[in-house]
Structures are given as C-alpha cells and as structure tokens.
Amino acid sequence: MDISESLGAVFEQMEKFFRTETVIGKPIEAGEVTIVPIISVSFGAGKAGGESKNAEGAGGGGGGAGAGGHITPTAIIVIRGSEVEVMSLAGKGSLEKIINQIPELVAKAKNAVGKKDEAQEPAGQ
C-alpha cells in the first residue's frame, strides 16, 4: 500500500469516528432533566515521502503518514421543562462544579415529578 492509500485509509477511519454524535453527545435523561454533552474535536494528519540515489545510481525511498486527534468535553446543556441552561466546562474546576450540582438537579427533577403526580390525583384524596 503506498502512502496515498495509507493516508486515505486513515482519513476514512477518522471520518467514521468524528460523526455528529461525537460532537453533540447522546442526551442523558434523569427524571424531568435532560443533559446533553458538547464535545470539542480537533485532529490533524500529514504525510511525507522522499527518494534518493547514491553515488552508484542505486535508488531508494521512504515515506510515512500519521494522524492524531483530541476530544475534550467543553460544555453541557441542561434542559428542565422549558428552561435551558448551558454550563461551560472550560474553566478550572468546572467539572467539579457540574458534579456538585447533580444532587440539586436530581432533587429538582424529583420535586417536579412529585408536583405533576399531585396535580393528577383526584380531589378529596
């Protein structure tokens, strides 16, 4: 396989990997709250090759290709009913802040479900 074919194979695999679900994650539902992760994706690829002849006229050559990628969670979207909030993960300690808010989000979801159930109960019970 020559270098162009190798690089083509690398890009084909990267295309399969970097699909829409990689950038906008699958929604996670917890009661009345839906959390959607947002992910930053960056990648690069390159190839190089060369040929040479020695003093006797014998030739040789070589080449190579490589690619690399970086995936980082950058934000989450929190949806509560008609309320939508975007929480950035860019700052130092942001992930810790999100984790600390999970109990509050779950409590709010349970509270909303409880109120919904109360509203559906027949009067006098």
C-alpha atoms as a PDB file:
ATOM      1  CA  MET A   1       0.000   0.000   0.000  1.00  0.00           C
ATOM      2  CA  ASP A   2       1.501   3.356  -0.977  1.00  0.00           C
ATOM      3  CA  ILE A   3       1.479   6.467   1.188  1.00  0.00           C
ATOM      4  CA  SER A   4      -1.593   7.996  -0.504  1.00  0.00           C
ATOM      5  CA  GLU A   5      -3.607   4.836   0.090  1.00  0.00           C
ATOM      6  CA  SER A   6      -2.438   4.741   3.716  1.00  0.00           C
ATOM      7  CA  LEU A   7      -3.442   8.340   4.299  1.00  0.00           C
ATOM      8  CA  GLY A   8      -6.786   7.705   2.595  1.00  0.00           C
ATOM      9  CA  ALA A   9      -7.407   4.778   4.969  1.00  0.00           C
ATOM     10  CA  VAL A  10      -6.531   6.968   7.965  1.00  0.00           C
ATOM     11  CA  PHE A  11      -8.987   9.687   6.896  1.00  0.00           C
ATOM     12  CA  GLU A  12     -11.698   7.100   6.218  1.00  0.00           C
ATOM     13  CA  GLN A  13     -11.392   5.784   9.772  1.00  0.00           C
ATOM     14  CA  MET A  14     -11.338   9.313  11.211  1.00  0.00           C
ATOM     15  CA  GLU A  15     -14.496  10.180   9.287  1.00  0.00           C
ATOM     16  CA  LYS A  16     -16.267   7.207  10.891  1.00  0.00           C
ATOM     17  CA  PHE A  17     -15.061   8.281  14.328  1.00  0.00           C
ATOM     18  CA  PHE A  18     -15.859  12.002  14.075  1.00  0.00           C
ATOM     19  CA  ARG A  19     -19.570  11.783  13.397  1.00  0.00           C
ATOM     20  CA  THR A  20     -22.214  14.158  14.779  1.00  0.00           C
ATOM     21  CA  GLU A  21     -22.738  12.125  17.963  1.00  0.00           C
ATOM     22  CA  THR A  22     -19.101  12.702  18.828  1.00  0.00           C
ATOM     23  CA  VAL A  23     -19.584  16.493  18.909  1.00  0.00           C
ATOM     24  CA  ILE A  24     -23.148  16.576  20.311  1.00  0.00           C
ATOM     25  CA  GLY A  25     -23.335  13.681  22.750  1.00  0.00           C
ATOM     26  CA  LYS A  26     -26.307  11.448  23.373  1.00  0.00           C
ATOM     27  CA  PRO A  27     -28.814  13.056  25.755  1.00  0.00           C
ATOM     28  CA  ILE A  28     -28.899  11.688  29.302  1.00  0.00           C
ATOM     29  CA  GLU A  29     -32.290  11.789  30.991  1.00  0.00           C
ATOM     30  CA  ALA A  30     -32.761  11.951  34.765  1.00  0.00           C
ATOM     31  CA  GLY A  31     -36.431  12.426  35.575  1.00  0.00           C
ATOM     32  CA  GLU A  32     -37.547  15.758  34.143  1.00  0.00           C
ATOM     33  CA  VAL A  33     -33.963  16.843  33.446  1.00  0.00           C
ATOM     34  CA  THR A  34     -32.120  16.125  30.200  1.00  0.00           C
ATOM     35  CA  ILE A  35     -28.362  16.666  29.944  1.00  0.00           C
ATOM     36  CA  VAL A  36     -26.670  16.933  26.545  1.00  0.00           C
ATOM     37  CA  PRO A  37     -22.844  16.893  26.447  1.00  0.00           C
ATOM     38  CA  ILE A  38     -20.995  19.121  23.967  1.00  0.00           C
ATOM     39  CA  ILE A  39     -17.557  17.905  22.915  1.00  0.00           C
ATOM     40  CA  SER A  40     -14.756  19.735  21.110  1.00  0.00           C
ATOM     41  CA  VAL A  41     -12.938  17.657  18.500  1.00  0.00           C
ATOM     42  CA  SER A  42      -9.669  18.540  16.788  1.00  0.00           C
ATOM     43  CA  PHE A  43      -7.394  16.468  14.619  1.00  0.00           C
ATOM     44  CA  GLY A  44      -4.538  16.678  12.216  1.00  0.00           C
ATOM     45  CA  ALA A  45      -2.883  14.460   9.669  1.00  0.00           C
ATOM     46  CA  GLY A  46       0.168  14.566   7.477  1.00  0.00           C
ATOM     47  CA  LYS A  47       2.327  12.581   5.152  1.00  0.00           C
ATOM     48  CA  ALA A  48       5.866  12.781   3.887  1.00  0.00           C
ATOM     49  CA  GLY A  49       7.996  10.908   1.421  1.00  0.00           C
ATOM     50  CA  GLY A  50      11.257  11.107  -0.399  1.00  0.00           C
ATOM     51  CA  GLU A  51      13.517   9.406  -2.886  1.00  0.00           C
ATOM     52  CA  SER A  52      17.249   9.473  -3.323  1.00  0.00           C
ATOM     53  CA  LYS A  53      20.095   7.887  -5.319  1.00  0.00           C
ATOM     54  CA  ASN A  54      23.511   7.027  -4.032  1.00  0.00           C
ATOM     55  CA  ALA A  55      26.813   7.633  -5.889  1.00  0.00           C
ATOM     56  CA  GLU A  56      26.439   4.335  -7.786  1.00  0.00           C
ATOM     57  CA  GLY A  57      22.968   5.303  -9.015  1.00  0.00           C
ATOM     58  CA  ALA A  58      21.034   2.895  -6.782  1.00  0.00           C
ATOM     59  CA  GLY A  59      17.776   4.439  -5.656  1.00  0.00           C
ATOM     60  CA  GLY A  60      15.739   4.208  -2.534  1.00  0.00           C
ATOM     61  CA  GLY A  61      12.837   5.925  -0.964  1.00  0.00           C
ATOM     62  CA  GLY A  62      10.604   6.027   2.002  1.00  0.00           C
ATOM     63  CA  GLY A  63       7.551   7.681   3.367  1.00  0.00           C
ATOM     64  CA  GLY A  64       5.192   7.839   6.267  1.00  0.00           C
ATOM     65  CA  ALA A  65       1.832   9.126   7.371  1.00  0.00           C
ATOM     66  CA  GLY A  66       0.276   9.891  10.691  1.00  0.00           C
ATOM     67  CA  ALA A  67      -2.784  11.341  12.305  1.00  0.00           C
ATOM     68  CA  GLY A  68      -3.857  12.350  15.756  1.00  0.00           C
ATOM     69  CA  GLY A  69      -6.955  13.616  17.434  1.00  0.00           C
ATOM     70  CA  HIS A  70      -8.053  15.239  20.672  1.00  0.00           C
ATOM     71  CA  ILE A  71     -11.532  15.067  22.165  1.00  0.00           C
ATOM     72  CA  THR A  72     -12.471  17.330  25.095  1.00  0.00           C
ATOM     73  CA  PRO A  73     -15.816  17.859  26.817  1.00  0.00           C
ATOM     74  CA  THR A  74     -16.449  21.604  26.627  1.00  0.00           C
ATOM     75  CA  ALA A  75     -19.979  22.155  27.918  1.00  0.00           C
ATOM     76  CA  ILE A  76     -23.268  20.538  28.824  1.00  0.00           C
ATOM     77  CA  ILE A  77     -26.779  21.660  28.039  1.00  0.00           C
ATOM     78  CA  VAL A  78     -29.230  21.170  30.905  1.00  0.00           C
ATOM     79  CA  ILE A  79     -32.901  21.093  29.900  1.00  0.00           C
ATOM     80  CA  ARG A  80     -35.599  21.314  32.606  1.00  0.00           C
ATOM     81  CA  GLY A  81     -39.034  21.644  31.047  1.00  0.00           C
ATOM     82  CA  SER A  82     -38.916  24.857  29.026  1.00  0.00           C
ATOM     83  CA  GLU A  83     -35.769  26.037  30.846  1.00  0.00           C
ATOM     84  CA  VAL A  84     -32.443  25.546  29.008  1.00  0.00           C
ATOM     85  CA  GLU A  85     -29.045  26.273  30.551  1.00  0.00           C
ATOM     86  CA  VAL A  86     -25.575  25.891  29.022  1.00  0.00           C
ATOM     87  CA  MET A  87     -22.838  25.111  31.534  1.00  0.00           C
ATOM     88  CA  SER A  88     -19.256  25.596  30.353  1.00  0.00           C
ATOM     89  CA  LEU A  89     -16.566  23.108  31.352  1.00  0.00           C
ATOM     90  CA  ALA A  90     -13.777  25.385  30.099  1.00  0.00           C
ATOM     91  CA  GLY A  91     -12.663  26.911  33.409  1.00  0.00           C
ATOM     92  CA  LYS A  92     -10.607  25.257  36.104  1.00  0.00           C
ATOM     93  CA  GLY A  93     -12.846  23.281  38.431  1.00  0.00           C
ATOM     94  CA  SER A  94     -15.856  23.450  36.079  1.00  0.00           C
ATOM     95  CA  LEU A  95     -16.328  19.683  36.016  1.00  0.00           C
ATOM     96  CA  GLU A  96     -16.289  19.662  39.825  1.00  0.00           C
ATOM     97  CA  LYS A  97     -18.989  22.381  39.828  1.00  0.00           C
ATOM     98  CA  ILE A  98     -21.144  20.288  37.488  1.00  0.00           C
ATOM     99  CA  ILE A  99     -20.706  17.182  39.626  1.00  0.00           C
ATOM    100  CA  ASN A 100     -21.633  19.169  42.737  1.00  0.00           C
ATOM    101  CA  GLN A 101     -24.843  20.332  41.028  1.00  0.00           C
ATOM    102  CA  ILE A 102     -26.031  16.800  40.180  1.00  0.00           C
ATOM    103  CA  PRO A 103     -27.808  16.246  43.536  1.00  0.00           C
ATOM    104  CA  GLU A 104     -29.615  19.588  43.131  1.00  0.00           C
ATOM    105  CA  LEU A 105     -30.676  18.715  39.575  1.00  0.00           C
ATOM    106  CA  VAL A 106     -31.928  15.278  40.646  1.00  0.00           C
ATOM    107  CA  ALA A 107     -33.836  16.816  43.613  1.00  0.00           C
ATOM    108  CA  LYS A 108     -35.468  19.353  41.302  1.00  0.00           C
ATOM    109  CA  ALA A 109     -36.417  16.577  38.868  1.00  0.00           C
ATOM    110  CA  LYS A 110     -37.972  14.510  41.694  1.00  0.00           C
ATOM    111  CA  ASN A 111     -39.809  17.594  43.003  1.00  0.00           C
ATOM    112  CA  ALA A 112     -41.207  18.332  39.528  1.00  0.00           C
ATOM    113  CA  VAL A 113     -42.369  14.714  39.152  1.00  0.00           C
ATOM    114  CA  GLY A 114     -43.991  14.849  42.621  1.00  0.00           C
ATOM    115  CA  LYS A 115     -45.885  18.047  41.771  1.00  0.00           C
ATOM    116  CA  LYS A 116     -47.030  16.506  38.486  1.00  0.00           C
ATOM    117  CA  ASP A 117     -48.316  13.394  40.323  1.00  0.00           C
ATOM    118  CA  GLU A 118     -50.142  15.569  42.906  1.00  0.00           C
ATOM    119  CA  ALA A 119     -51.831  17.557  40.146  1.00  0.00           C
ATOM    120  CA  GLN A 120     -53.121  14.329  38.578  1.00  0.00           C
ATOM    121  CA  GLU A 121     -54.660  12.935  41.800  1.00  0.00           C
ATOM    122  CA  PRO A 122     -58.465  13.249  42.047  1.00  0.00           C
ATOM    123  CA  ALA A 123     -59.740  15.883  44.518  1.00  0.00           C
ATOM    124  CA  GLY A 124     -60.537  14.698  48.074  1.00  0.00           C
ATOM    125  CA  GLN A 125     -57.757  12.110  48.347  1.00  0.00           C
END
